Amino acid sequence: MEQAGGLAVRKHGGRWQVLLVRSKKNPGVWIFPKGHIEPGESAVDAALRETREEAGVDGDLLGPVGEPQEFQSGSEEVRVRYFLILTKFEGESPERRKKAWYQLDEAADQIHFESARTLLEEARELLASLG
């Protein structure tokens, strides 16, 4: 199953922050917004839509980040492509998900999965090149 997700970022107090949302399946786990790619939808459009639906955040695409993440979800093989999104607007989460912004170095401590920490490090490198 192909999915897409977003690493939404913003500058706050001169430092980059990244958005995390609570997992629907396991609310004790912080994740990046992600979900299914709808028929006829691009991975980029799905990442922007999922970030908007799960977190109420809209933004501009900065580009892909990291390698696709692959894992088993029940009996399904899932492949998620993530994209870096520069936040332009934030409202309430339409799905009523709990969400939080973390400094990049603090976010790594909140993330449960090693593959997500790797994505975060790659995002940090991309953001450093932007200034």
N, C-alpha and C. Protein backbone atom coordinates (compact mmCIF):
# COMPACT_ATOMS: atom_id res chain seq x y z
N MET A 1 0.84 -1.17 0.00
CA MET A 1 0.00 0.00 0.00
C MET A 1 0.89 1.24 0.00
N GLU A 2 0.61 2.15 -0.93
CA GLU A 2 1.38 3.38 -1.04
C GLU A 2 0.73 4.48 -0.20
N GLN A 3 1.55 5.15 0.61
CA GLN A 3 1.09 6.26 1.42
C GLN A 3 2.06 7.43 1.25
N ALA A 4 1.64 8.59 1.75
CA ALA A 4 2.49 9.77 1.74
C ALA A 4 2.28 10.53 3.04
N GLY A 5 3.32 11.24 3.45
CA GLY A 5 3.23 11.99 4.69
C GLY A 5 4.02 13.28 4.63
N GLY A 6 3.80 14.12 5.64
CA GLY A 6 4.44 15.42 5.66
C GLY A 6 5.22 15.68 6.93
N LEU A 7 6.40 16.24 6.78
CA LEU A 7 7.15 16.79 7.91
C LEU A 7 6.92 18.29 7.82
N ALA A 8 5.92 18.77 8.54
CA ALA A 8 5.61 20.20 8.53
C ALA A 8 6.59 20.90 9.46
N VAL A 9 7.19 21.98 8.96
CA VAL A 9 8.18 22.73 9.75
C VAL A 9 7.81 24.20 9.76
N ARG A 10 8.32 24.89 10.77
CA ARG A 10 8.17 26.34 10.88
C ARG A 10 9.35 26.87 11.68
N LYS A 11 9.61 28.16 11.51
CA LYS A 11 10.65 28.82 12.32
C LYS A 11 9.96 29.51 13.48
N HIS A 12 10.47 29.28 14.67
CA HIS A 12 9.91 29.88 15.87
C HIS A 12 11.08 30.33 16.74
N GLY A 13 11.15 31.62 17.00
CA GLY A 13 12.28 32.14 17.79
C GLY A 13 13.61 31.90 17.10
N GLY A 14 13.60 31.91 15.77
CA GLY A 14 14.84 31.73 15.02
C GLY A 14 15.29 30.28 14.89
N ARG A 15 14.49 29.34 15.43
CA ARG A 15 14.87 27.92 15.37
C ARG A 15 13.76 27.12 14.67
N TRP A 16 14.18 26.09 13.94
CA TRP A 16 13.22 25.24 13.25
C TRP A 16 12.49 24.32 14.22
N GLN A 17 11.19 24.20 13.99
CA GLN A 17 10.36 23.25 14.74
C GLN A 17 9.67 22.33 13.74
N VAL A 18 9.33 21.13 14.20
CA VAL A 18 8.63 20.16 13.38
C VAL A 18 7.35 19.74 14.10
N LEU A 19 6.33 19.46 13.33
CA LEU A 19 5.02 19.09 13.86
C LEU A 19 4.90 17.58 14.02
N LEU A 20 4.40 17.15 15.16
CA LEU A 20 4.08 15.74 15.41
C LEU A 20 2.62 15.64 15.80
N VAL A 21 1.99 14.53 15.41
CA VAL A 21 0.60 14.26 15.79
C VAL A 21 0.56 12.90 16.49
N ARG A 22 -0.48 12.70 17.29
CA ARG A 22 -0.67 11.41 17.95
C ARG A 22 -1.18 10.39 16.93
N SER A 23 -0.64 9.19 17.01
CA SER A 23 -1.08 8.10 16.14
C SER A 23 -2.53 7.75 16.44
N LYS A 24 -3.29 7.46 15.39
CA LYS A 24 -4.69 7.06 15.57
C LYS A 24 -4.76 5.66 16.18
N LYS A 25 -3.88 4.76 15.71
CA LYS A 25 -3.88 3.37 16.20
C LYS A 25 -3.34 3.27 17.62
N ASN A 26 -2.35 4.11 17.95
CA ASN A 26 -1.72 4.06 19.27
C ASN A 26 -1.49 5.50 19.74
N PRO A 27 -2.49 6.09 20.43
CA PRO A 27 -2.40 7.51 20.82
C PRO A 27 -1.23 7.87 21.74
N GLY A 28 -0.51 6.88 22.24
CA GLY A 28 0.67 7.16 23.06
C GLY A 28 1.91 7.44 22.23
N VAL A 29 1.79 7.30 20.90
CA VAL A 29 2.93 7.44 20.00
C VAL A 29 2.79 8.69 19.14
N TRP A 30 3.87 9.50 19.09
CA TRP A 30 3.92 10.68 18.22
C TRP A 30 4.46 10.27 16.86
N ILE A 31 3.83 10.76 15.78
CA ILE A 31 4.23 10.44 14.42
C ILE A 31 4.15 11.69 13.55
N PHE A 32 4.64 11.58 12.33
CA PHE A 32 4.42 12.61 11.31
C PHE A 32 3.08 12.30 10.64
N PRO A 33 2.30 13.32 10.26
CA PRO A 33 1.04 13.06 9.56
C PRO A 33 1.30 12.26 8.27
N LYS A 34 0.46 11.26 8.02
CA LYS A 34 0.60 10.43 6.82
C LYS A 34 -0.70 9.70 6.55
N GLY A 35 -0.84 9.18 5.33
CA GLY A 35 -2.02 8.40 5.00
C GLY A 35 -2.02 7.93 3.57
N HIS A 36 -3.12 7.28 3.20
CA HIS A 36 -3.27 6.68 1.87
C HIS A 36 -3.23 7.72 0.76
N ILE A 37 -2.69 7.29 -0.37
CA ILE A 37 -2.76 8.09 -1.58
C ILE A 37 -4.05 7.70 -2.29
N GLU A 38 -4.93 8.67 -2.48
CA GLU A 38 -6.22 8.41 -3.13
C GLU A 38 -6.02 8.17 -4.63
N PRO A 39 -6.95 7.42 -5.26
CA PRO A 39 -6.85 7.20 -6.71
C PRO A 39 -6.77 8.54 -7.47
N GLY A 40 -5.81 8.64 -8.38
CA GLY A 40 -5.63 9.84 -9.18
C GLY A 40 -4.87 10.95 -8.47
N GLU A 41 -4.48 10.73 -7.23
CA GLU A 41 -3.77 11.74 -6.43
C GLU A 41 -2.27 11.46 -6.48
N SER A 42 -1.46 12.51 -6.55
CA SER A 42 -0.01 12.33 -6.49
C SER A 42 0.41 12.17 -5.03
N ALA A 43 1.62 11.65 -4.83
CA ALA A 43 2.15 11.50 -3.47
C ALA A 43 2.27 12.86 -2.80
N VAL A 44 2.69 13.88 -3.55
CA VAL A 44 2.82 15.24 -3.01
C VAL A 44 1.46 15.75 -2.53
N ASP A 45 0.43 15.61 -3.39
CA ASP A 45 -0.91 16.07 -3.01
C ASP A 45 -1.43 15.33 -1.79
N ALA A 46 -1.15 14.02 -1.72
CA ALA A 46 -1.59 13.23 -0.56
C ALA A 46 -0.89 13.70 0.72
N ALA A 47 0.40 14.00 0.63
CA ALA A 47 1.14 14.48 1.81
C ALA A 47 0.56 15.80 2.32
N LEU A 48 0.28 16.71 1.39
CA LEU A 48 -0.30 18.00 1.78
C LEU A 48 -1.70 17.81 2.37
N ARG A 49 -2.51 16.93 1.76
CA ARG A 49 -3.87 16.68 2.23
C ARG A 49 -3.86 16.02 3.61
N GLU A 50 -3.03 15.01 3.79
CA GLU A 50 -2.97 14.31 5.08
C GLU A 50 -2.50 15.25 6.20
N THR A 51 -1.55 16.11 5.89
CA THR A 51 -1.07 17.08 6.89
C THR A 51 -2.19 18.04 7.27
N ARG A 52 -2.98 18.44 6.29
CA ARG A 52 -4.12 19.33 6.54
C ARG A 52 -5.20 18.60 7.34
N GLU A 53 -5.54 17.36 6.96
CA GLU A 53 -6.60 16.61 7.63
C GLU A 53 -6.24 16.23 9.06
N GLU A 54 -5.01 15.76 9.25
CA GLU A 54 -4.62 15.27 10.57
C GLU A 54 -4.20 16.37 11.53
N ALA A 55 -3.66 17.47 11.00
CA ALA A 55 -3.09 18.50 11.87
C ALA A 55 -3.64 19.90 11.66
N GLY A 56 -4.43 20.12 10.60
CA GLY A 56 -4.93 21.47 10.34
C GLY A 56 -3.85 22.41 9.83
N VAL A 57 -2.79 21.85 9.22
CA VAL A 57 -1.66 22.64 8.76
C VAL A 57 -1.59 22.62 7.23
N ASP A 58 -1.46 23.80 6.64
CA ASP A 58 -1.26 23.95 5.20
C ASP A 58 0.09 24.62 4.99
N GLY A 59 0.72 24.29 3.88
CA GLY A 59 2.00 24.92 3.62
C GLY A 59 2.48 24.71 2.22
N ASP A 60 3.73 25.10 2.00
CA ASP A 60 4.38 24.97 0.70
C ASP A 60 5.33 23.79 0.72
N LEU A 61 5.31 23.04 -0.36
CA LEU A 61 6.19 21.89 -0.49
C LEU A 61 7.64 22.36 -0.67
N LEU A 62 8.54 21.86 0.17
CA LEU A 62 9.97 22.15 0.01
C LEU A 62 10.66 21.04 -0.77
N GLY A 63 10.08 19.84 -0.76
CA GLY A 63 10.67 18.73 -1.51
C GLY A 63 10.59 17.44 -0.74
N PRO A 64 11.00 16.34 -1.38
CA PRO A 64 10.99 15.04 -0.71
C PRO A 64 12.06 15.01 0.37
N VAL A 65 11.85 14.17 1.37
CA VAL A 65 12.84 14.01 2.43
C VAL A 65 13.03 12.51 2.71
N GLY A 66 14.29 12.10 2.71
CA GLY A 66 14.63 10.72 3.04
C GLY A 66 14.16 9.70 2.02
N GLU A 67 14.46 8.46 2.34
CA GLU A 67 14.03 7.32 1.54
C GLU A 67 12.63 6.92 1.96
N PRO A 68 11.87 6.30 1.06
CA PRO A 68 10.54 5.80 1.47
C PRO A 68 10.67 4.85 2.66
N GLN A 69 9.75 4.96 3.58
CA GLN A 69 9.73 4.12 4.77
C GLN A 69 8.84 2.91 4.49
N GLU A 70 9.34 1.72 4.77
CA GLU A 70 8.57 0.50 4.54
C GLU A 70 8.40 -0.25 5.84
N PHE A 71 7.16 -0.70 6.08
CA PHE A 71 6.88 -1.46 7.29
C PHE A 71 5.64 -2.31 7.09
N GLN A 72 5.42 -3.22 8.02
CA GLN A 72 4.26 -4.10 7.99
C GLN A 72 3.20 -3.52 8.91
N SER A 73 1.98 -3.41 8.41
CA SER A 73 0.84 -2.96 9.22
C SER A 73 -0.21 -4.07 9.13
N GLY A 74 -0.26 -4.90 10.16
CA GLY A 74 -1.12 -6.08 10.09
C GLY A 74 -0.58 -6.99 9.01
N SER A 75 -1.41 -7.33 8.03
CA SER A 75 -0.97 -8.20 6.93
C SER A 75 -0.52 -7.39 5.71
N GLU A 76 -0.57 -6.06 5.81
CA GLU A 76 -0.24 -5.21 4.66
C GLU A 76 1.17 -4.67 4.73
N GLU A 77 1.83 -4.68 3.56
CA GLU A 77 3.12 -4.02 3.41
C GLU A 77 2.84 -2.56 3.06
N VAL A 78 3.38 -1.64 3.85
CA VAL A 78 3.12 -0.21 3.65
C VAL A 78 4.42 0.47 3.23
N ARG A 79 4.31 1.38 2.28
CA ARG A 79 5.45 2.17 1.81
C ARG A 79 5.03 3.64 1.85
N VAL A 80 5.75 4.44 2.67
CA VAL A 80 5.39 5.85 2.85
C VAL A 80 6.51 6.74 2.33
N ARG A 81 6.14 7.68 1.47
CA ARG A 81 7.07 8.69 0.96
C ARG A 81 6.77 9.99 1.71
N TYR A 82 7.80 10.59 2.30
CA TYR A 82 7.61 11.82 3.09
C TYR A 82 8.13 13.04 2.34
N PHE A 83 7.48 14.17 2.63
CA PHE A 83 7.83 15.44 2.01
C PHE A 83 7.94 16.51 3.09
N LEU A 84 8.89 17.42 2.90
CA LEU A 84 9.09 18.54 3.81
C LEU A 84 8.13 19.66 3.40
N ILE A 85 7.38 20.18 4.36
CA ILE A 85 6.35 21.19 4.10
C ILE A 85 6.61 22.40 4.98
N LEU A 86 6.77 23.57 4.37
CA LEU A 86 6.95 24.82 5.11
C LEU A 86 5.57 25.35 5.48
N THR A 87 5.27 25.41 6.77
CA THR A 87 3.95 25.80 7.25
C THR A 87 3.64 27.25 6.92
N LYS A 88 2.45 27.46 6.35
CA LYS A 88 1.96 28.80 6.05
C LYS A 88 0.71 29.14 6.87
N PHE A 89 -0.06 28.11 7.23
CA PHE A 89 -1.30 28.30 7.98
C PHE A 89 -1.50 27.13 8.93
N GLU A 90 -1.98 27.45 10.14
CA GLU A 90 -2.32 26.38 11.09
C GLU A 90 -3.66 26.68 11.74
N GLY A 91 -4.54 25.71 11.68
CA GLY A 91 -5.83 25.79 12.35
C GLY A 91 -6.02 24.55 13.22
N GLU A 92 -7.24 24.32 13.63
CA GLU A 92 -7.54 23.13 14.42
C GLU A 92 -7.39 21.87 13.56
N SER A 93 -7.08 20.76 14.19
CA SER A 93 -7.02 19.49 13.49
C SER A 93 -8.43 19.02 13.14
N PRO A 94 -8.78 18.89 11.84
CA PRO A 94 -10.12 18.40 11.48
C PRO A 94 -10.43 17.03 12.10
N GLU A 95 -9.39 16.21 12.30
CA GLU A 95 -9.58 14.89 12.89
C GLU A 95 -9.50 14.92 14.42
N ARG A 96 -9.35 16.12 14.96
CA ARG A 96 -9.24 16.31 16.41
C ARG A 96 -8.05 15.56 17.02
N ARG A 97 -6.99 15.44 16.24
CA ARG A 97 -5.78 14.79 16.73
C ARG A 97 -5.04 15.73 17.66
N LYS A 98 -4.40 15.16 18.66
CA LYS A 98 -3.49 15.95 19.49
C LYS A 98 -2.26 16.20 18.66
N LYS A 99 -1.74 17.41 18.70
CA LYS A 99 -0.55 17.75 17.93
C LYS A 99 0.34 18.65 18.78
N ALA A 100 1.62 18.68 18.41
CA ALA A 100 2.57 19.51 19.13
C ALA A 100 3.73 19.86 18.22
N TRP A 101 4.29 21.05 18.44
CA TRP A 101 5.48 21.48 17.74
C TRP A 101 6.68 21.26 18.65
N TYR A 102 7.76 20.72 18.08
CA TYR A 102 8.98 20.47 18.85
C TYR A 102 10.18 21.04 18.09
N GLN A 103 11.16 21.57 18.86
CA GLN A 103 12.44 21.91 18.25
C GLN A 103 12.98 20.62 17.65
N LEU A 104 13.74 20.72 16.57
CA LEU A 104 14.22 19.52 15.89
C LEU A 104 14.94 18.56 16.82
N ASP A 105 15.80 19.09 17.69
CA ASP A 105 16.54 18.19 18.59
C ASP A 105 15.63 17.55 19.64
N GLU A 106 14.58 18.23 20.06
CA GLU A 106 13.64 17.67 21.04
C GLU A 106 12.70 16.65 20.40
N ALA A 107 12.39 16.83 19.13
CA ALA A 107 11.45 15.94 18.44
C ALA A 107 11.98 14.52 18.39
N ALA A 108 13.29 14.37 18.21
CA ALA A 108 13.88 13.02 18.14
C ALA A 108 13.58 12.22 19.40
N ASP A 109 13.51 12.89 20.55
CA ASP A 109 13.22 12.20 21.82
C ASP A 109 11.76 11.78 21.92
N GLN A 110 10.89 12.40 21.14
CA GLN A 110 9.45 12.09 21.20
C GLN A 110 9.05 10.97 20.24
N ILE A 111 9.87 10.77 19.21
CA ILE A 111 9.53 9.83 18.14
C ILE A 111 9.90 8.41 18.55
N HIS A 112 8.97 7.50 18.33
CA HIS A 112 9.10 6.10 18.73
C HIS A 112 9.95 5.28 17.76
N PHE A 113 9.84 5.59 16.46
CA PHE A 113 10.46 4.74 15.44
C PHE A 113 11.80 5.30 14.96
N GLU A 114 12.80 4.42 14.88
CA GLU A 114 14.14 4.81 14.43
C GLU A 114 14.11 5.40 13.03
N SER A 115 13.28 4.82 12.14
CA SER A 115 13.21 5.31 10.76
C SER A 115 12.71 6.76 10.73
N ALA A 116 11.83 7.11 11.65
CA ALA A 116 11.32 8.48 11.73
C ALA A 116 12.41 9.43 12.24
N ARG A 117 13.26 8.95 13.15
CA ARG A 117 14.37 9.77 13.63
C ARG A 117 15.36 10.03 12.49
N THR A 118 15.55 9.03 11.62
CA THR A 118 16.42 9.21 10.45
C THR A 118 15.85 10.27 9.52
N LEU A 119 14.54 10.23 9.29
CA LEU A 119 13.88 11.25 8.47
C LEU A 119 14.09 12.64 9.07
N LEU A 120 13.96 12.73 10.36
CA LEU A 120 14.12 14.00 11.06
C LEU A 120 15.54 14.54 10.85
N GLU A 121 16.53 13.68 10.91
CA GLU A 121 17.92 14.10 10.71
C GLU A 121 18.12 14.59 9.27
N GLU A 122 17.51 13.90 8.31
CA GLU A 122 17.62 14.33 6.92
C GLU A 122 16.91 15.67 6.71
N ALA A 123 15.79 15.87 7.40
CA ALA A 123 15.09 17.15 7.32
C ALA A 123 15.96 18.26 7.91
N ARG A 124 16.64 17.97 9.01
CA ARG A 124 17.53 18.96 9.64
C ARG A 124 18.61 19.40 8.64
N GLU A 125 19.19 18.45 7.90
CA GLU A 125 20.22 18.77 6.92
C GLU A 125 19.66 19.64 5.79
N LEU A 126 18.46 19.29 5.31
CA LEU A 126 17.82 20.10 4.25
C LEU A 126 17.54 21.52 4.73
N LEU A 127 17.05 21.64 5.96
CA LEU A 127 16.72 22.96 6.51
C LEU A 127 17.99 23.79 6.75
N ALA A 128 19.08 23.15 7.13
CA ALA A 128 20.34 23.87 7.34
C ALA A 128 20.80 24.49 6.02
N SER A 129 20.53 23.83 4.92
CA SER A 129 20.94 24.37 3.63
C SER A 129 20.06 25.57 3.23
N LEU A 130 18.87 25.68 3.82
CA LEU A 130 17.97 26.81 3.54
C LEU A 130 18.30 28.03 4.41
N GLY A 131 18.97 27.76 5.54
CA GLY A 131 19.32 28.86 6.44
C GLY A 131 18.41 29.07 7.57
